[in-house]
Structures are given as structure tokens and as C-alpha cells.
Amino acid sequence: MEDGDQELVDCIWAYINQQVTDISEDDIPIVLSSLPPTHKFLLPLFGKPFHKTWWKLNSTEIVMCLDNLVKLNTLQVSIMRDIGSWLFLNIHEVKEQEVSQCIRAFHHFNFYDGNLMSALERYIPAKNKQLHAELPAVVAEYCRSRRYFSPAILDAIAVHFCAKGENYQSSEVFLALRVFASPQGHKAGMWLEMLQTAVRLDVKGFRLPYLFKLHTKQMLKDAEIIVTAKGVPIPVSSEDEHLFRSEDKRVAILITTADDVCLNTNHMLGKFSMRQRHLKKMGYTVIEV
């Protein structure tokens, strides 16, 4: 863009800045979708006029606004919340492709909105038979990234995948199924097979130059503290350690953080749930702090 053209653009946006309170519902999507990266600092000014007119917009205009927010890579919380409210009221009128674009925009900003999730909990089960593979995959990834547990959505995605799984692209299969289990599960199986082979070689007395290492951030270090009835820690030596091994004294204290559970329920996430399960199987009484 030449200097003269840039000056004209600056003058136009300076004028729009002065008249921002007078922007109508017909103009707000055009203005938002036309906002260039050089003037994205003006975006907060459009929050108030957008709030006054969001309920009058149609699905195409909503998608236009979201697309430009993604292009600008700028999160405007008030506009996102208003769009979530719009989807809650009008999602039944939105085309499937437009719903996917909206979810991708919310996922791009890692933005959670309760109205949007409530709308999806109605929309996905109701439209499940007509949906293509893209939307269930996008919704599953959004739920996973926001740690949102919704049986209605997950059950619908599972039913859709069982019925139309052959139509999924490989990337869509990955996104749709990742929310149900770890994508690294096949690696775990591979390492178990290799470990079994190594044990057999040891038993047979082979001395081959093999070495197996497992590198993962998910390996957990457990600690056991033996306490009295009043909660005072007891120092245990190797000689009397067996005296404290009765099951009623095996207590595991798990320090739980917000990242360990779903956003909207008390359901533990994958590896944290498995850790609790293994401790209980080992005879521990699990106490969450």
C-alpha cells in the first residue's frame, strides 16, 4: 500500500472511531470484518455497539465477525460472549459449516463459553444423523481442550463415529477419538511388548546388548508417609517397616489442582483418574486435598 492510500485508510478509521457509538446493526459486521491489523487497537471500541445489536445479526454476519477476529488474532471477550449468547438462541438456524467455523474460532482463542456449550449439547444430539465428520471432530477437540465433560455430546459423537466412521479423514479420526483416550496408547502397548521380550531374555540367560528406556512426562513419583492416630509422621526403619503395612494404615494423599478435573464437573481427567484407581487397588485409602 502506498503512503497516500495508507493516509486515506487512517483518515477513514479515525472518522469511524469518532462515530463508533452510531454504528447500526447493518454496519457493525462490515466494520468488524474490515478492520485491518494496523488498526486492531480499535477493536475494544466496538464491544459496546456490538452488544446493542448482536441479537439482530444473522449467521453469515456472525461468522464474518469471528473470522476477522481470528485473522487479527485478537481476543475481545465481550464480543465472544455476545456471540455465544447468539448461538445459544439461534444455533438451530445455523448451517453445519458455519457452526464448525464458530467452534474453530472459540478453540483458536481457548475461550470457554457456557452458552455455546449448552447450545452444542442440544444441537449435536438432535442433528447427529445429518452431520458430516468434520463437526463432531471439531466439537470433540474443543471439549477436550477446555476440559469440558458432556455425556450428551460425547455419546452423540461416539454414536456418529460408529455409524459413519468410514467417512472420517485420518485427522478427523484423531480429533474425534482423542477425547476418549490417550493417542499414545499404542506406544504404551509397544513398550510392554518390548519389556516382556527383555524379561524373557533375562530369564533364559541371554546377555545381548539391549537397553529399553521409557521417556514420558506422565510418570508419577509416589510417596508414602506413615502417621500416628493424631497425624504425626512416624520414622520407619527397615527392620520395623513391616509393622506398618496393614491396609488400614495405607493412606495416599493426592493434592488435586484445577487442571486435574473437568471444567464443569468433578470428574478426574485420564492419568489422574488412573493414578487414583491404581492406589485404591494397591490397598490405599485415597484422600484428596
Protein backbone atom coordinates (compact mmCIF):
# COMPACT_ATOMS: atom_id res chain seq x y z
CA MET A 1 0.00 0.00 0.00
CA GLU A 2 1.35 3.41 -0.98
CA ASP A 3 1.73 6.26 1.51
CA GLY A 4 -1.25 8.15 0.07
CA ASP A 5 -3.51 5.11 0.33
CA GLN A 6 -2.39 4.48 3.91
CA GLU A 7 -3.19 8.07 4.86
CA LEU A 8 -6.68 7.65 3.39
CA VAL A 9 -7.22 4.45 5.37
CA ASP A 10 -6.05 6.17 8.55
CA CYS A 11 -8.48 9.03 7.96
CA ILE A 12 -11.38 6.63 7.36
CA TRP A 13 -10.74 4.72 10.57
CA ALA A 14 -10.23 7.94 12.51
CA TYR A 15 -13.69 9.01 11.35
CA ILE A 16 -15.19 5.62 12.27
CA ASN A 17 -13.57 5.92 15.68
CA GLN A 18 -15.39 9.21 16.27
CA GLN A 19 -18.74 7.78 15.12
CA VAL A 20 -18.42 4.36 16.77
CA THR A 21 -21.48 4.88 19.01
CA ASP A 22 -23.68 5.45 15.96
CA ILE A 23 -22.82 2.19 14.16
CA SER A 24 -26.01 0.28 13.29
CA GLU A 25 -26.62 -3.47 13.19
CA ASP A 26 -26.27 -3.32 9.41
CA ASP A 27 -22.81 -1.77 9.63
CA ILE A 28 -21.23 -3.50 12.64
CA PRO A 29 -20.36 -6.81 10.89
CA ILE A 30 -18.95 -4.95 7.87
CA VAL A 31 -16.87 -2.69 10.10
CA LEU A 32 -15.57 -5.57 12.21
CA SER A 33 -14.75 -7.76 9.20
CA SER A 34 -12.96 -4.84 7.50
CA LEU A 35 -10.77 -3.87 10.46
CA PRO A 36 -7.13 -4.18 9.29
CA PRO A 37 -4.28 -5.45 11.51
CA THR A 38 -2.80 -1.94 11.62
CA HIS A 39 -5.92 -0.70 13.43
CA LYS A 40 -6.83 -3.68 15.61
CA PHE A 41 -6.21 -1.49 18.66
CA LEU A 42 -9.66 -0.01 17.88
CA LEU A 43 -11.35 -3.38 18.47
CA PRO A 44 -12.32 -2.74 22.14
CA LEU A 45 -14.33 0.30 20.99
CA PHE A 46 -16.73 -1.94 19.05
CA GLY A 47 -17.68 -4.06 22.06
CA LYS A 48 -20.45 -1.72 23.20
CA PRO A 49 -22.18 -1.19 19.81
CA PHE A 50 -21.90 -4.92 19.13
CA HIS A 51 -23.58 -5.67 22.47
CA LYS A 52 -26.51 -3.47 21.47
CA THR A 53 -27.07 -5.17 18.10
CA TRP A 54 -25.84 -8.80 18.35
CA TRP A 55 -29.34 -10.26 18.58
CA LYS A 56 -30.26 -8.69 15.21
CA LEU A 57 -27.40 -10.31 13.27
CA ASN A 58 -27.66 -13.39 11.04
CA SER A 59 -25.34 -16.40 10.92
CA THR A 60 -23.29 -15.12 7.96
CA GLU A 61 -22.55 -11.85 9.77
CA ILE A 62 -21.61 -13.69 12.97
CA VAL A 63 -19.15 -15.86 11.05
CA MET A 64 -17.71 -12.78 9.32
CA CYS A 65 -17.00 -11.16 12.69
CA LEU A 66 -15.40 -14.30 14.13
CA ASP A 67 -13.26 -14.89 11.05
CA ASN A 68 -11.74 -11.42 11.25
CA LEU A 69 -11.09 -11.78 14.99
CA VAL A 70 -9.11 -14.91 14.16
CA LYS A 71 -7.24 -13.14 11.34
CA LEU A 72 -6.39 -10.29 13.71
CA ASN A 73 -5.50 -12.89 16.37
CA THR A 74 -7.10 -10.59 18.93
CA LEU A 75 -9.49 -11.78 21.63
CA GLN A 76 -12.33 -9.42 22.52
CA VAL A 77 -14.10 -11.08 25.44
CA SER A 78 -17.33 -9.05 25.32
CA ILE A 79 -17.85 -9.80 21.62
CA MET A 80 -17.12 -13.52 22.12
CA ARG A 81 -19.64 -13.73 24.96
CA ASP A 82 -22.29 -11.97 22.87
CA ILE A 83 -21.65 -14.40 20.02
CA GLY A 84 -22.02 -17.28 22.49
CA SER A 85 -25.39 -15.86 23.53
CA TRP A 86 -26.40 -15.54 19.87
CA LEU A 87 -25.51 -19.18 19.21
CA PHE A 88 -27.47 -20.29 22.26
CA LEU A 89 -30.59 -18.68 20.80
CA ASN A 90 -30.10 -19.35 17.09
CA ILE A 91 -27.89 -22.39 16.61
CA HIS A 92 -30.79 -24.33 15.06
CA GLU A 93 -30.76 -21.81 12.18
CA VAL A 94 -27.00 -22.05 11.53
CA LYS A 95 -25.54 -24.19 8.76
CA GLU A 96 -23.28 -27.04 9.79
CA GLN A 97 -20.22 -25.49 8.13
CA GLU A 98 -20.85 -22.20 9.93
CA VAL A 99 -21.12 -23.99 13.28
CA SER A 100 -17.71 -25.57 12.58
CA GLN A 101 -16.23 -22.15 11.81
CA CYS A 102 -17.61 -20.75 15.06
CA ILE A 103 -16.21 -23.65 17.13
CA ARG A 104 -12.81 -23.29 15.45
CA ALA A 105 -12.75 -19.60 16.36
CA PHE A 106 -13.57 -20.31 20.02
CA HIS A 107 -10.96 -23.07 20.04
CA HIS A 108 -8.39 -20.73 18.46
CA PHE A 109 -8.70 -18.35 21.41
CA ASN A 110 -9.01 -21.15 24.01
CA PHE A 111 -12.22 -19.41 25.04
CA TYR A 112 -14.87 -21.22 27.06
CA ASP A 113 -18.48 -20.03 26.93
CA GLY A 114 -21.29 -21.72 28.84
CA ASN A 115 -23.96 -20.61 26.39
CA LEU A 116 -22.04 -22.15 23.50
CA MET A 117 -21.68 -25.49 25.29
CA SER A 118 -25.38 -25.52 26.18
CA ALA A 119 -26.22 -24.87 22.54
CA LEU A 120 -23.95 -27.70 21.37
CA GLU A 121 -25.49 -30.10 23.90
CA ARG A 122 -28.83 -29.52 22.17
CA TYR A 123 -27.56 -29.28 18.59
CA ILE A 124 -25.18 -32.26 18.28
CA PRO A 125 -27.58 -35.00 19.55
CA ALA A 126 -30.52 -33.53 17.60
CA LYS A 127 -28.64 -33.24 14.27
CA ASN A 128 -26.43 -36.28 14.77
CA LYS A 129 -27.76 -38.32 11.83
CA GLN A 130 -27.31 -35.46 9.33
CA LEU A 131 -23.85 -34.32 10.43
CA HIS A 132 -20.70 -34.82 8.40
CA ALA A 133 -17.48 -35.96 10.07
CA GLU A 134 -15.91 -32.51 10.44
CA LEU A 135 -18.24 -31.03 13.05
CA PRO A 136 -18.16 -33.93 15.58
CA ALA A 137 -14.36 -33.96 15.32
CA VAL A 138 -14.09 -30.19 15.90
CA VAL A 139 -16.53 -30.29 18.83
CA ALA A 140 -14.69 -33.23 20.42
CA GLU A 141 -11.38 -31.37 20.22
CA TYR A 142 -12.94 -28.22 21.68
CA CYS A 143 -14.39 -30.17 24.64
CA ARG A 144 -11.03 -31.84 25.24
CA SER A 145 -9.05 -28.61 25.12
CA ARG A 146 -11.47 -26.86 27.50
CA ARG A 147 -11.69 -29.91 29.84
CA TYR A 148 -15.48 -29.89 29.46
CA PHE A 149 -17.26 -33.15 30.25
CA SER A 150 -20.60 -33.53 28.48
CA PRO A 151 -22.14 -37.02 28.29
CA ALA A 152 -24.72 -35.77 25.77
CA ILE A 153 -22.05 -34.56 23.34
CA LEU A 154 -19.64 -37.47 23.85
CA ASP A 155 -22.36 -40.10 23.47
CA ALA A 156 -23.56 -38.44 20.26
CA ILE A 157 -20.01 -38.31 18.86
CA ALA A 158 -19.47 -41.99 19.71
CA VAL A 159 -22.73 -42.98 18.01
CA HIS A 160 -21.87 -40.87 14.95
CA PHE A 161 -18.39 -42.39 14.66
CA CYS A 162 -19.75 -45.94 14.95
CA ALA A 163 -22.29 -45.22 12.21
CA LYS A 164 -20.15 -43.17 9.82
CA GLY A 165 -16.57 -43.88 10.82
CA GLU A 166 -15.60 -44.92 7.29
CA ASN A 167 -16.28 -41.35 6.11
CA TYR A 168 -13.81 -39.79 8.56
CA GLN A 169 -10.48 -38.47 7.36
CA SER A 170 -7.44 -39.58 9.37
CA SER A 171 -7.16 -36.16 11.05
CA GLU A 172 -10.87 -36.27 11.96
CA VAL A 173 -10.49 -39.75 13.45
CA PHE A 174 -7.63 -38.45 15.58
CA LEU A 175 -9.62 -35.45 16.85
CA ALA A 176 -12.84 -37.38 17.46
CA LEU A 177 -11.22 -40.24 19.39
CA ARG A 178 -8.54 -38.33 21.29
CA VAL A 179 -11.16 -37.09 23.76
CA PHE A 180 -11.95 -40.69 24.75
CA ALA A 181 -8.41 -41.99 25.30
CA SER A 182 -4.74 -41.13 25.04
CA PRO A 183 -3.42 -41.15 21.46
CA GLN A 184 -0.16 -42.56 22.84
CA GLY A 185 -1.83 -45.80 23.88
CA HIS A 186 -0.25 -47.75 21.02
CA LYS A 187 3.19 -46.67 22.24
CA ALA A 188 2.40 -48.00 25.70
CA GLY A 189 1.50 -51.37 24.17
CA MET A 190 4.71 -51.39 22.16
CA TRP A 191 6.83 -50.77 25.25
CA LEU A 192 5.04 -53.51 27.17
CA GLU A 193 5.81 -55.98 24.38
CA MET A 194 9.47 -54.92 24.35
CA LEU A 195 9.67 -55.18 28.14
CA GLN A 196 8.21 -58.69 28.00
CA THR A 197 10.84 -59.68 25.45
CA ALA A 198 13.61 -58.26 27.63
CA VAL A 199 12.38 -60.20 30.67
CA ARG A 200 12.30 -63.44 28.68
CA LEU A 201 15.88 -62.87 27.51
CA ASP A 202 16.97 -62.31 31.11
CA VAL A 203 15.24 -65.49 32.26
CA LYS A 204 16.95 -67.53 29.54
CA GLY A 205 20.31 -66.08 30.48
CA PHE A 206 20.99 -64.22 27.25
CA ARG A 207 23.44 -61.33 27.52
CA LEU A 208 22.52 -59.31 24.46
CA PRO A 209 23.25 -55.56 24.20
CA TYR A 210 19.67 -54.39 24.56
CA LEU A 211 18.52 -51.38 26.53
CA PHE A 212 14.97 -50.10 26.87
CA LYS A 213 14.15 -46.65 28.16
CA LEU A 214 10.77 -45.04 28.63
CA HIS A 215 10.76 -41.24 28.40
CA THR A 216 7.47 -39.64 29.38
CA LYS A 217 6.34 -36.70 31.48
CA GLN A 218 3.39 -38.74 32.74
CA MET A 219 5.47 -40.99 35.01
CA LEU A 220 4.49 -40.19 38.58
CA LYS A 221 6.56 -40.36 41.76
CA ASP A 222 4.56 -41.68 44.73
CA ALA A 223 5.48 -41.07 48.35
CA GLU A 224 4.19 -42.88 51.45
CA ILE A 225 4.12 -41.19 54.88
CA ILE A 226 3.18 -43.33 57.88
CA VAL A 227 1.49 -41.34 60.67
CA THR A 228 0.04 -41.95 64.13
CA ALA A 229 -3.64 -41.66 65.01
CA LYS A 230 -3.05 -37.94 65.63
CA GLY A 231 -1.44 -37.45 62.25
CA VAL A 232 2.17 -37.27 63.45
CA PRO A 233 4.67 -38.80 60.99
CA ILE A 234 6.44 -41.93 62.26
CA PRO A 235 10.08 -42.52 61.26
CA VAL A 236 10.29 -46.08 59.95
CA SER A 237 13.45 -48.16 59.80
CA SER A 238 13.97 -51.12 57.52
CA GLU A 239 13.57 -53.53 60.49
CA ASP A 240 10.11 -52.41 61.65
CA GLU A 241 8.71 -51.29 58.30
CA HIS A 242 6.60 -54.46 58.07
CA LEU A 243 4.71 -53.48 61.25
CA PHE A 244 3.02 -50.60 59.46
CA ARG A 245 1.91 -52.49 56.38
CA SER A 246 -1.67 -53.28 57.40
CA GLU A 247 -4.21 -51.94 54.92
CA ASP A 248 -5.93 -49.66 57.40
CA LYS A 249 -2.73 -47.61 57.69
CA ARG A 250 -2.09 -47.25 53.96
CA VAL A 251 -3.23 -43.71 53.18
CA ALA A 252 -2.43 -41.78 49.99
CA ILE A 253 -2.91 -38.01 49.99
CA LEU A 254 -3.44 -36.61 46.50
CA ILE A 255 -3.05 -32.88 46.01
CA THR A 256 -5.64 -32.05 43.36
CA THR A 257 -5.45 -28.92 41.22
CA ALA A 258 -7.98 -27.38 38.85
CA ASP A 259 -6.17 -28.90 35.86
CA ASP A 260 -6.79 -32.43 37.19
CA VAL A 261 -10.59 -32.33 36.81
CA CYS A 262 -13.12 -31.39 34.15
CA LEU A 263 -14.12 -27.77 33.93
CA ASN A 264 -17.81 -28.32 34.66
CA THR A 265 -17.82 -31.48 36.81
CA ASN A 266 -15.72 -33.25 39.44
CA HIS A 267 -14.69 -36.00 37.01
CA MET A 268 -10.95 -36.66 37.17
CA LEU A 269 -9.06 -36.45 33.89
CA GLY A 270 -7.35 -39.51 32.38
CA LYS A 271 -3.99 -40.01 34.08
CA PHE A 272 -5.17 -38.56 37.40
CA SER A 273 -8.15 -40.92 37.46
CA MET A 274 -5.88 -43.88 36.70
CA ARG A 275 -3.46 -42.87 39.47
CA GLN A 276 -6.34 -42.86 41.97
CA ARG A 277 -7.58 -46.21 40.68
CA HIS A 278 -4.16 -47.86 40.99
CA LEU A 279 -3.67 -46.58 44.54
CA LYS A 280 -7.04 -47.99 45.60
CA LYS A 281 -6.20 -51.36 44.01
CA MET A 282 -2.95 -51.39 46.00
CA GLY A 283 -4.96 -51.06 49.21
CA TYR A 284 -4.54 -47.35 49.87
CA THR A 285 -7.23 -45.10 51.30
CA VAL A 286 -7.15 -42.09 48.97
CA ILE A 287 -7.61 -38.64 50.44
CA GLU A 288 -7.91 -35.71 48.04
CA VAL A 289 -6.69 -32.30 49.17
